[in-house]
């Protein structure tokens, strides 16, 4: 049986020359430590280093229970009729 990996929702900050970038992400529990520097995997499989864990949420979810925002967004577009409107524009 495979080991269950748990995730926590964290606020991440990355310093840049003009200030900072912020994002919220579900990251593996073993990396979810405030002040820790982490790397994030990009869609092209490269690594984006320099992100600092600014805040760690209390909720812990198994990987199978993580929300799928892409599917949620597609379902919303279909339910609202916006998916058809976008198809007509193309």
C-alpha atoms as a PDB file:
ATOM      1  CA  UNK A   1       0.000   0.000   0.000  1.00  0.00           C
ATOM      2  CA  UNK A   2       1.340   3.432  -0.964  1.00  0.00           C
ATOM      3  CA  UNK A   3       2.106   5.961   1.717  1.00  0.00           C
ATOM      4  CA  UNK A   4      -0.495   8.738   1.995  1.00  0.00           C
ATOM      5  CA  UNK A   5       0.992  12.193   1.354  1.00  0.00           C
ATOM      6  CA  UNK A   6      -0.669  15.055   3.204  1.00  0.00           C
ATOM      7  CA  UNK A   7      -0.745  18.687   2.030  1.00  0.00           C
ATOM      8  CA  UNK A   8      -1.275  22.044   3.733  1.00  0.00           C
ATOM      9  CA  UNK A   9      -2.455  25.282   2.179  1.00  0.00           C
ATOM     10  CA  UNK A  10       0.314  27.851   2.549  1.00  0.00           C
ATOM     11  CA  UNK A  11       0.911  31.487   1.672  1.00  0.00           C
ATOM     12  CA  UNK A  12       4.157  31.805  -0.277  1.00  0.00           C
ATOM     13  CA  UNK A  13       6.229  34.937  -0.871  1.00  0.00           C
ATOM     14  CA  UNK A  14       9.041  35.462  -3.373  1.00  0.00           C
ATOM     15  CA  UNK A  15      11.176  38.610  -3.199  1.00  0.00           C
ATOM     16  CA  UNK A  16      11.705  40.332  -6.558  1.00  0.00           C
ATOM     17  CA  UNK A  17      13.539  43.580  -7.395  1.00  0.00           C
ATOM     18  CA  UNK A  18      10.297  45.610  -7.478  1.00  0.00           C
ATOM     19  CA  UNK A  19       8.812  44.163  -4.273  1.00  0.00           C
ATOM     20  CA  UNK A  20       7.433  40.671  -3.857  1.00  0.00           C
ATOM     21  CA  UNK A  21       5.165  38.104  -5.463  1.00  0.00           C
ATOM     22  CA  UNK A  22       2.598  36.242  -3.347  1.00  0.00           C
ATOM     23  CA  UNK A  23       0.557  33.145  -3.950  1.00  0.00           C
ATOM     24  CA  UNK A  24      -1.379  30.507  -2.069  1.00  0.00           C
ATOM     25  CA  UNK A  25      -0.627  26.856  -2.786  1.00  0.00           C
ATOM     26  CA  UNK A  26      -1.188  23.383  -1.389  1.00  0.00           C
ATOM     27  CA  UNK A  27       2.292  22.010  -0.628  1.00  0.00           C
ATOM     28  CA  UNK A  28       3.394  18.694   0.902  1.00  0.00           C
ATOM     29  CA  UNK A  29       3.183  18.758   4.696  1.00  0.00           C
ATOM     30  CA  UNK A  30       6.892  17.982   5.092  1.00  0.00           C
ATOM     31  CA  UNK A  31       7.749  21.315   3.380  1.00  0.00           C
ATOM     32  CA  UNK A  32       5.053  23.372   5.129  1.00  0.00           C
ATOM     33  CA  UNK A  33       7.201  25.142   7.718  1.00  0.00           C
ATOM     34  CA  UNK A  34       6.983  28.929   8.144  1.00  0.00           C
ATOM     35  CA  UNK A  35      10.212  30.604   7.040  1.00  0.00           C
ATOM     36  CA  UNK A  36      11.379  27.665   4.923  1.00  0.00           C
ATOM     37  CA  UNK A  37      12.579  28.364   1.375  1.00  0.00           C
ATOM     38  CA  UNK A  38      11.083  26.003  -1.210  1.00  0.00           C
ATOM     39  CA  UNK A  39      11.079  25.405  -4.974  1.00  0.00           C
ATOM     40  CA  UNK A  40       7.879  25.056  -6.974  1.00  0.00           C
ATOM     41  CA  UNK A  41       7.493  22.819 -10.028  1.00  0.00           C
ATOM     42  CA  UNK A  42       6.463  24.702 -13.176  1.00  0.00           C
ATOM     43  CA  UNK A  43       4.118  23.206 -15.819  1.00  0.00           C
ATOM     44  CA  UNK A  44       7.159  22.596 -18.072  1.00  0.00           C
ATOM     45  CA  UNK A  45       8.713  20.518 -15.217  1.00  0.00           C
ATOM     46  CA  UNK A  46      11.412  23.130 -14.450  1.00  0.00           C
ATOM     47  CA  UNK A  47      11.898  24.411 -10.888  1.00  0.00           C
ATOM     48  CA  UNK A  48      11.123  27.934  -9.657  1.00  0.00           C
ATOM     49  CA  UNK A  49      13.295  28.533  -6.565  1.00  0.00           C
ATOM     50  CA  UNK A  50      13.245  31.265  -3.936  1.00  0.00           C
ATOM     51  CA  UNK A  51       9.711  30.953  -2.527  1.00  0.00           C
ATOM     52  CA  UNK A  52       9.425  31.481   1.237  1.00  0.00           C
ATOM     53  CA  UNK A  53       6.616  29.855   3.247  1.00  0.00           C
ATOM     54  CA  UNK A  54       5.064  32.903   4.959  1.00  0.00           C
ATOM     55  CA  UNK A  55       2.055  31.230   6.586  1.00  0.00           C
ATOM     56  CA  UNK A  56       0.950  27.619   7.066  1.00  0.00           C
ATOM     57  CA  UNK A  57      -2.738  26.786   7.255  1.00  0.00           C
ATOM     58  CA  UNK A  58      -4.091  24.417   9.913  1.00  0.00           C
ATOM     59  CA  UNK A  59      -6.046  22.149   7.552  1.00  0.00           C
ATOM     60  CA  UNK A  60      -4.230  19.038   6.358  1.00  0.00           C
ATOM     61  CA  UNK A  61      -5.620  17.079   3.383  1.00  0.00           C
ATOM     62  CA  UNK A  62      -4.578  13.829   1.733  1.00  0.00           C
ATOM     63  CA  UNK A  63      -3.526  14.203  -1.898  1.00  0.00           C
ATOM     64  CA  UNK A  64      -6.698  12.428  -3.061  1.00  0.00           C
ATOM     65  CA  UNK A  65      -8.829  15.031  -1.248  1.00  0.00           C
ATOM     66  CA  UNK A  66      -7.174  18.145  -2.694  1.00  0.00           C
ATOM     67  CA  UNK A  67      -9.508  20.436  -4.644  1.00  0.00           C
ATOM     68  CA  UNK A  68      -9.123  20.335  -8.428  1.00  0.00           C
ATOM     69  CA  UNK A  69      -9.567  23.987  -9.341  1.00  0.00           C
ATOM     70  CA  UNK A  70      -9.216  23.331 -13.060  1.00  0.00           C
ATOM     71  CA  UNK A  71     -12.145  20.907 -13.039  1.00  0.00           C
ATOM     72  CA  UNK A  72     -14.159  23.227 -10.758  1.00  0.00           C
ATOM     73  CA  UNK A  73     -13.615  26.113 -13.179  1.00  0.00           C
ATOM     74  CA  UNK A  74     -14.682  24.033 -16.190  1.00  0.00           C
ATOM     75  CA  UNK A  75     -17.797  22.847 -14.358  1.00  0.00           C
ATOM     76  CA  UNK A  76     -18.689  26.441 -13.462  1.00  0.00           C
ATOM     77  CA  UNK A  77     -18.294  27.586 -17.082  1.00  0.00           C
ATOM     78  CA  UNK A  78     -20.543  24.763 -18.310  1.00  0.00           C
ATOM     79  CA  UNK A  79     -23.176  25.429 -15.626  1.00  0.00           C
ATOM     80  CA  UNK A  80     -23.227  29.186 -16.227  1.00  0.00           C
ATOM     81  CA  UNK A  81     -23.260  28.966 -20.016  1.00  0.00           C
ATOM     82  CA  UNK A  82     -20.002  30.914 -20.246  1.00  0.00           C
ATOM     83  CA  UNK A  83     -18.279  27.950 -21.912  1.00  0.00           C
ATOM     84  CA  UNK A  84     -20.651  28.258 -24.881  1.00  0.00           C
ATOM     85  CA  UNK A  85     -20.079  32.014 -25.092  1.00  0.00           C
ATOM     86  CA  UNK A  86     -16.301  31.477 -25.170  1.00  0.00           C
ATOM     87  CA  UNK A  87     -16.639  28.832 -27.900  1.00  0.00           C
ATOM     88  CA  UNK A  88     -18.682  31.237 -30.074  1.00  0.00           C
ATOM     89  CA  UNK A  89     -15.961  33.906 -29.794  1.00  0.00           C
ATOM     90  CA  UNK A  90     -13.299  31.490 -31.088  1.00  0.00           C
END
